[in-house]
Amino acid sequence: MRRGSDIRKPMATNHATPIRVGVSSCLLGEHVRYDGGHKHDRYITDTLGRFFSFVPVCPEVDCGMTVPREAMRLEGDPNNPRLMTRASRIDKTDQMLAFCTAKLRELENSDLCGFIFKKGSPSSGLFRVKVYGPTGTPARSGSGLFAAAMARRLPLLPMEEEGRLNDPAIRENFIERVFCYRRWKDFLFTAPGLGELVEFHSRHKLLVMSHSTQVYREMGALVAHGREIGREELFQRYEGLLMRALALHATAKKNTNVLMHIMGYFKNELSHNEKAELLEVISQYHDHLVPLIVPLTLLRHYTDKYEQAYLKQQLYLSPHPAELMLRNHV
């Protein structure tokens, strides 16, 4: 288990040290593609780069291939494809898999909290990569050899493709998972006990509920029986449930339930007009008329105004830096 800062300190989303995230080298502007070009993604470098420290990986160059080089593609069984050069028909599979074994061992110990892959790449594509069958017709059902190996080796690590980050919901989900994974690693750094786990679980209650109430109940049952389980097993199982829950997207319906739950903390403080206003903005959010940030801003105002200590500790109200504007989309 990895270790980090004290759980008793406020769980801020900003870190003095940027969060380490792996990324396909070409997305950082490095000229490593088969044609000598790059696929520089300004959102990654200019926006996420304010909070993330990138660990570049180009499996093809890093395993010894040249720039430029012959284009390659995946062929055969989508579940176990071969990496073939297109014109000369050279099988590069073993060379790539040998690299994957060594590189993943290195990355496993590099404190990564996420990885952004290049879509469509026969080495780094994570989803719907073309795999050519005997007829020459591709099936978009594969994963690049390196991406697939990484998903098997590090199944809890948040992973995404740069193209899918253009979708606001996918972008928010991925970045939220990265920040939460960092908090979890920081938490483990203190060698915490069951009491600290209860506190961590309490602070993440509403955040997890916005993704899955079912998994939250499983996590609660696990923590409740924590004294009956060995420490290492307890924390491993909790980590698995935490990351499984966050991988499920927070929908407008789920968020509305959480917003109404938060509103219940102010039932004795809010005036009739304040309650009506809050219900109205929550309803507008539910109906996709305003972004989540609108009801959340009002709830944060009431949290400060009425000194709701429990809500002030809830990561749901601020799970990532406001500058990323992840909750500003409808």
Protein backbone atom coordinates (compact mmCIF):
# COMPACT_ATOMS: atom_id res chain seq x y z
CA MET A 1 0.00 0.00 0.00
CA ARG A 2 1.20 3.53 -0.79
CA ARG A 3 1.49 6.32 1.74
CA GLY A 4 0.79 10.13 1.80
CA SER A 5 -0.39 13.06 4.02
CA ASP A 6 -2.27 13.03 7.34
CA ILE A 7 -5.97 12.12 7.19
CA ARG A 8 -6.64 14.56 10.01
CA LYS A 9 -5.62 17.50 7.86
CA PRO A 10 -8.27 19.12 5.62
CA MET A 11 -8.60 17.05 2.46
CA ALA A 12 -7.87 19.78 -0.06
CA THR A 13 -8.04 19.07 -3.76
CA ASN A 14 -4.95 21.17 -4.53
CA HIS A 15 -1.58 19.54 -4.01
CA ALA A 16 1.77 21.23 -3.51
CA THR A 17 3.18 18.44 -5.67
CA PRO A 18 1.28 17.89 -8.95
CA ILE A 19 -0.52 14.57 -9.29
CA ARG A 20 1.41 12.10 -11.45
CA VAL A 21 -0.55 10.94 -14.49
CA GLY A 22 0.75 8.82 -17.35
CA VAL A 23 0.04 10.00 -20.88
CA SER A 24 0.81 8.92 -24.42
CA SER A 25 3.86 10.95 -25.43
CA CYS A 26 2.39 12.19 -28.71
CA LEU A 27 -0.39 13.97 -26.79
CA LEU A 28 2.27 16.12 -25.10
CA GLY A 29 3.54 17.28 -28.48
CA GLU A 30 6.45 14.86 -28.75
CA HIS A 31 7.29 13.84 -32.32
CA VAL A 32 7.03 10.10 -31.81
CA ARG A 33 4.30 9.00 -34.20
CA TYR A 34 5.02 6.61 -37.08
CA ASP A 35 5.14 9.55 -39.53
CA GLY A 36 7.33 11.69 -37.29
CA GLY A 37 4.41 13.85 -36.18
CA HIS A 38 2.55 14.38 -32.93
CA LYS A 39 -1.01 14.80 -31.64
CA HIS A 40 -0.52 17.61 -29.16
CA ASP A 41 -3.61 18.01 -26.99
CA ARG A 42 -3.76 21.52 -25.52
CA TYR A 43 -6.42 20.63 -22.95
CA ILE A 44 -4.08 18.04 -21.48
CA THR A 45 -0.96 20.19 -21.41
CA ASP A 46 -2.45 23.65 -20.78
CA THR A 47 -5.40 22.86 -18.50
CA LEU A 48 -4.70 19.53 -16.81
CA GLY A 49 -1.00 20.40 -16.79
CA ARG A 50 -1.73 23.00 -14.09
CA PHE A 51 -2.55 20.17 -11.68
CA PHE A 52 -0.93 17.05 -13.14
CA SER A 53 2.68 16.05 -13.60
CA PHE A 54 2.87 13.93 -16.74
CA VAL A 55 4.79 10.70 -17.18
CA PRO A 56 5.12 10.29 -20.97
CA VAL A 57 5.04 6.84 -22.55
CA CYS A 58 5.29 5.92 -26.22
CA PRO A 59 5.30 2.12 -26.30
CA GLU A 60 6.44 1.92 -29.91
CA VAL A 61 9.46 4.22 -29.56
CA ASP A 62 10.23 3.06 -26.03
CA CYS A 63 10.38 -0.58 -27.14
CA GLY A 64 13.02 0.27 -29.73
CA MET A 65 11.16 1.24 -32.90
CA THR A 66 12.36 4.17 -34.99
CA VAL A 67 10.83 7.52 -35.90
CA PRO A 68 9.61 7.52 -38.58
CA ARG A 69 8.59 3.85 -38.92
CA GLU A 70 6.28 1.67 -40.89
CA ALA A 71 2.64 1.92 -39.87
CA MET A 72 1.25 -1.03 -37.89
CA ARG A 73 -2.12 -2.53 -37.11
CA LEU A 74 -3.69 -5.24 -34.96
CA GLU A 75 -4.70 -8.49 -36.65
CA GLY A 76 -6.32 -11.78 -35.68
CA ASP A 77 -8.29 -12.53 -32.55
CA PRO A 78 -9.53 -9.26 -30.91
CA ASN A 79 -8.91 -10.88 -27.50
CA ASN A 80 -5.34 -11.81 -28.38
CA PRO A 81 -4.30 -9.79 -31.45
CA ARG A 82 -0.95 -9.63 -33.19
CA LEU A 83 0.84 -6.36 -33.91
CA MET A 84 1.83 -6.41 -37.58
CA THR A 85 3.59 -3.93 -39.86
CA ARG A 86 1.26 -3.12 -42.73
CA ALA A 87 3.51 -3.45 -45.79
CA SER A 88 6.46 -5.65 -44.80
CA ARG A 89 4.26 -7.96 -42.67
CA ILE A 90 6.68 -8.16 -39.74
CA ASP A 91 5.20 -9.39 -36.45
CA LYS A 92 6.11 -6.95 -33.68
CA THR A 93 3.96 -8.58 -31.00
CA ASP A 94 6.70 -10.22 -28.93
CA GLN A 95 8.82 -7.07 -28.99
CA MET A 96 5.89 -5.00 -27.72
CA LEU A 97 4.83 -7.50 -25.05
CA ALA A 98 8.37 -7.74 -23.69
CA PHE A 99 8.39 -3.95 -23.35
CA CYS A 100 4.98 -4.01 -21.64
CA THR A 101 6.20 -6.43 -18.99
CA ALA A 102 9.20 -4.28 -18.09
CA LYS A 103 7.44 -0.93 -18.38
CA LEU A 104 4.46 -1.93 -16.27
CA ARG A 105 6.75 -3.09 -13.51
CA GLU A 106 8.30 0.39 -13.57
CA LEU A 107 4.98 2.25 -13.74
CA GLU A 108 3.51 0.17 -10.94
CA ASN A 109 6.03 1.80 -8.61
CA SER A 110 5.85 5.33 -10.04
CA ASP A 111 2.90 6.59 -7.96
CA LEU A 112 0.59 7.12 -10.94
CA CYS A 113 -2.96 8.25 -10.23
CA GLY A 114 -4.25 7.96 -13.80
CA PHE A 115 -3.36 7.43 -17.44
CA ILE A 116 -4.50 9.14 -20.66
CA PHE A 117 -4.10 7.02 -23.80
CA LYS A 118 -4.09 7.93 -27.51
CA LYS A 119 -7.29 6.69 -29.08
CA GLY A 120 -7.11 4.26 -31.98
CA SER A 121 -3.46 3.36 -31.49
CA PRO A 122 -2.54 -0.33 -31.97
CA SER A 123 -0.34 -0.02 -28.89
CA SER A 124 -2.10 2.61 -26.78
CA GLY A 125 -5.74 2.70 -27.80
CA LEU A 126 -7.95 1.72 -24.87
CA PHE A 127 -11.33 1.25 -26.53
CA ARG A 128 -12.69 0.22 -29.94
CA VAL A 129 -9.30 -0.21 -31.62
CA LYS A 130 -9.47 -1.75 -35.10
CA VAL A 131 -8.50 -5.43 -35.28
CA TYR A 132 -8.28 -6.82 -38.82
CA GLY A 133 -9.60 -10.31 -39.49
CA PRO A 134 -8.96 -12.74 -42.38
CA THR A 135 -11.35 -10.87 -44.69
CA GLY A 136 -9.49 -7.60 -44.19
CA THR A 137 -12.52 -5.99 -42.60
CA PRO A 138 -11.68 -4.46 -39.22
CA ALA A 139 -13.71 -5.00 -36.08
CA ARG A 140 -13.63 -2.08 -33.64
CA SER A 141 -13.47 -4.36 -30.63
CA GLY A 142 -9.83 -4.37 -29.56
CA SER A 143 -7.41 -2.56 -27.29
CA GLY A 144 -3.82 -1.62 -27.99
CA LEU A 145 -1.32 -4.12 -26.62
CA PHE A 146 0.17 -1.74 -24.06
CA ALA A 147 -3.21 -0.32 -22.97
CA ALA A 148 -4.67 -3.80 -22.56
CA ALA A 149 -1.66 -4.97 -20.54
CA MET A 150 -1.90 -1.92 -18.31
CA ALA A 151 -5.63 -2.42 -17.71
CA ARG A 152 -4.92 -5.99 -16.63
CA ARG A 153 -1.97 -5.08 -14.40
CA LEU A 154 -3.48 -1.95 -12.79
CA PRO A 155 -7.26 -2.46 -12.90
CA LEU A 156 -8.04 0.24 -10.30
CA LEU A 157 -6.01 2.98 -11.97
CA PRO A 158 -8.24 5.61 -13.64
CA MET A 159 -7.70 5.35 -17.40
CA GLU A 160 -9.17 7.23 -20.34
CA GLU A 161 -8.55 8.19 -23.96
CA GLU A 162 -7.90 11.77 -24.97
CA GLY A 163 -10.73 11.77 -27.51
CA ARG A 164 -13.30 10.72 -24.92
CA LEU A 165 -12.23 13.58 -22.66
CA ASN A 166 -14.14 15.88 -25.04
CA ASP A 167 -17.31 14.46 -23.48
CA PRO A 168 -18.01 16.59 -20.36
CA ALA A 169 -19.43 13.69 -18.32
CA ILE A 170 -16.53 11.36 -19.15
CA ARG A 171 -14.02 14.15 -18.49
CA GLU A 172 -15.53 14.92 -15.08
CA ASN A 173 -15.67 11.26 -14.12
CA PHE A 174 -12.05 10.59 -15.07
CA ILE A 175 -10.60 13.66 -13.35
CA GLU A 176 -12.70 13.10 -10.23
CA ARG A 177 -11.34 9.56 -10.00
CA VAL A 178 -7.77 10.80 -10.39
CA PHE A 179 -8.12 13.27 -7.51
CA CYS A 180 -9.84 10.70 -5.31
CA TYR A 181 -7.15 8.11 -6.02
CA ARG A 182 -4.55 10.67 -4.93
CA ARG A 183 -6.44 11.30 -1.70
CA TRP A 184 -6.62 7.57 -1.07
CA LYS A 185 -2.88 7.16 -1.59
CA ASP A 186 -2.19 10.13 0.66
CA PHE A 187 -4.45 8.53 3.27
CA LEU A 188 -2.57 5.23 3.11
CA PHE A 189 0.72 7.02 3.65
CA THR A 190 -0.20 7.58 7.30
CA ALA A 191 -0.52 3.83 7.99
CA PRO A 192 -4.09 4.45 9.20
CA GLY A 193 -6.21 2.22 11.37
CA LEU A 194 -9.91 1.47 11.39
CA GLY A 195 -10.81 4.76 13.06
CA GLU A 196 -9.13 6.76 10.32
CA LEU A 197 -10.83 4.64 7.68
CA VAL A 198 -14.21 5.45 9.25
CA GLU A 199 -13.33 9.15 9.00
CA PHE A 200 -12.20 8.83 5.37
CA HIS A 201 -15.38 6.92 4.55
CA SER A 202 -17.53 9.56 6.24
CA ARG A 203 -15.91 12.42 4.29
CA HIS A 204 -16.52 10.62 1.00
CA LYS A 205 -20.08 9.54 1.78
CA LEU A 206 -21.96 11.94 -0.49
CA LEU A 207 -19.38 11.72 -3.26
CA VAL A 208 -19.67 7.93 -3.43
CA MET A 209 -23.47 8.11 -3.12
CA SER A 210 -23.57 10.33 -6.21
CA HIS A 211 -22.04 7.44 -8.15
CA SER A 212 -23.61 4.38 -6.54
CA THR A 213 -25.74 4.02 -3.40
CA GLN A 214 -25.44 0.25 -3.73
CA VAL A 215 -21.65 0.23 -3.64
CA TYR A 216 -21.74 2.81 -0.85
CA ARG A 217 -23.79 0.38 1.22
CA GLU A 218 -21.26 -2.37 0.49
CA MET A 219 -18.46 -0.05 1.63
CA GLY A 220 -20.38 0.82 4.79
CA ALA A 221 -20.93 -2.85 5.62
CA LEU A 222 -17.23 -3.54 5.06
CA VAL A 223 -16.16 -0.72 7.39
CA ALA A 224 -18.74 -1.76 10.00
CA HIS A 225 -17.17 -5.24 10.14
CA GLY A 226 -13.63 -3.89 9.90
CA ARG A 227 -12.53 -5.34 13.24
CA GLU A 228 -13.31 -8.83 11.96
CA ILE A 229 -11.01 -8.46 8.91
CA GLY A 230 -7.26 -8.26 8.69
CA ARG A 231 -6.00 -4.72 8.12
CA GLU A 232 -4.39 -5.37 4.74
CA GLU A 233 -7.43 -7.21 3.40
CA LEU A 234 -9.76 -4.51 4.76
CA PHE A 235 -7.94 -1.68 3.02
CA GLN A 236 -7.52 -3.60 -0.24
CA ARG A 237 -11.21 -4.44 -0.35
CA TYR A 238 -12.18 -0.87 0.49
CA GLU A 239 -9.93 0.51 -2.25
CA GLY A 240 -11.50 -1.84 -4.78
CA LEU A 241 -15.02 -0.79 -3.81
CA LEU A 242 -14.12 2.91 -3.78
CA MET A 243 -12.69 2.89 -7.28
CA ARG A 244 -15.47 0.62 -8.56
CA ALA A 245 -18.08 3.06 -7.30
CA LEU A 246 -16.40 6.11 -8.80
CA ALA A 247 -16.06 4.40 -12.18
CA LEU A 248 -19.87 4.51 -12.39
CA HIS A 249 -21.00 7.88 -13.70
CA ALA A 250 -22.81 10.37 -11.47
CA THR A 251 -26.05 11.16 -13.33
CA ALA A 252 -28.48 14.05 -12.89
CA LYS A 253 -30.85 11.68 -11.09
CA LYS A 254 -28.15 10.46 -8.68
CA ASN A 255 -26.90 13.97 -8.02
CA THR A 256 -30.43 15.20 -7.42
CA ASN A 257 -30.88 12.60 -4.71
CA VAL A 258 -27.67 13.77 -3.05
CA LEU A 259 -28.66 17.43 -3.36
CA MET A 260 -32.00 16.70 -1.69
CA HIS A 261 -30.15 14.78 1.03
CA ILE A 262 -27.93 17.81 1.67
CA MET A 263 -30.95 20.10 1.73
CA GLY A 264 -32.33 18.04 4.62
CA TYR A 265 -29.54 19.36 6.84
CA PHE A 266 -31.07 22.84 6.60
CA LYS A 267 -34.72 21.99 7.23
CA ASN A 268 -34.76 23.98 10.48
CA GLU A 269 -32.69 26.93 9.22
CA LEU A 270 -34.03 27.91 5.81
CA SER A 271 -36.94 30.27 5.42
CA HIS A 272 -39.92 29.36 3.26
CA ASN A 273 -38.57 31.46 0.39
CA GLU A 274 -35.07 30.01 0.72
CA LYS A 275 -36.44 26.47 0.59
CA ALA A 276 -38.53 27.33 -2.46
CA GLU A 277 -35.52 28.85 -4.23
CA LEU A 278 -33.32 25.86 -3.45
CA LEU A 279 -35.95 23.37 -4.60
CA GLU A 280 -36.36 25.35 -7.79
CA VAL A 281 -32.67 25.29 -8.73
CA ILE A 282 -32.40 21.60 -7.83
CA SER A 283 -35.41 20.93 -10.09
CA GLN A 284 -33.84 22.97 -12.88
CA TYR A 285 -30.64 20.94 -12.56
CA HIS A 286 -32.61 17.68 -12.62
CA ASP A 287 -34.30 18.82 -15.83
CA HIS A 288 -30.94 19.72 -17.44
CA LEU A 289 -31.70 23.44 -17.50
CA VAL A 290 -28.77 24.55 -15.33
CA PRO A 291 -25.41 22.94 -14.49
CA LEU A 292 -24.66 21.19 -11.22
CA ILE A 293 -22.55 24.11 -10.07
CA VAL A 294 -25.73 26.22 -9.61
CA PRO A 295 -27.42 24.22 -6.80
CA LEU A 296 -24.03 23.35 -5.34
CA THR A 297 -23.07 27.01 -5.03
CA LEU A 298 -26.27 27.72 -3.13
CA LEU A 299 -25.75 24.70 -0.86
CA ARG A 300 -22.16 25.69 -0.13
CA HIS A 301 -23.43 29.15 0.80
CA TYR A 302 -25.87 27.68 3.30
CA THR A 303 -23.21 25.28 4.60
CA ASP A 304 -21.00 28.25 5.50
CA LYS A 305 -23.84 30.46 6.67
CA TYR A 306 -25.25 27.91 9.09
CA GLU A 307 -21.91 26.38 10.09
CA GLN A 308 -22.73 22.82 9.06
CA ALA A 309 -19.51 21.16 10.22
CA TYR A 310 -20.41 17.74 8.81
CA LEU A 311 -21.12 19.12 5.34
CA LYS A 312 -17.95 21.20 5.37
CA GLN A 313 -16.01 17.92 5.53
CA GLN A 314 -17.85 16.40 2.56
CA LEU A 315 -15.65 16.04 -0.51
CA TYR A 316 -18.76 16.04 -2.70
CA LEU A 317 -19.00 19.81 -2.38
CA SER A 318 -15.49 20.28 -3.77
CA PRO A 319 -13.88 17.07 -5.11
CA HIS A 320 -11.54 18.82 -7.56
CA PRO A 321 -10.26 22.36 -8.27
CA ALA A 322 -12.99 24.81 -9.30
CA GLU A 323 -10.68 26.11 -12.04
CA LEU A 324 -11.31 22.93 -14.03
CA MET A 325 -15.02 23.87 -14.26
CA LEU A 326 -16.02 20.21 -14.43
CA ARG A 327 -19.49 20.83 -13.02
CA ASN A 328 -20.31 23.75 -15.28
CA HIS A 329 -21.85 21.72 -18.10
CA VAL A 330 -25.56 20.98 -18.59
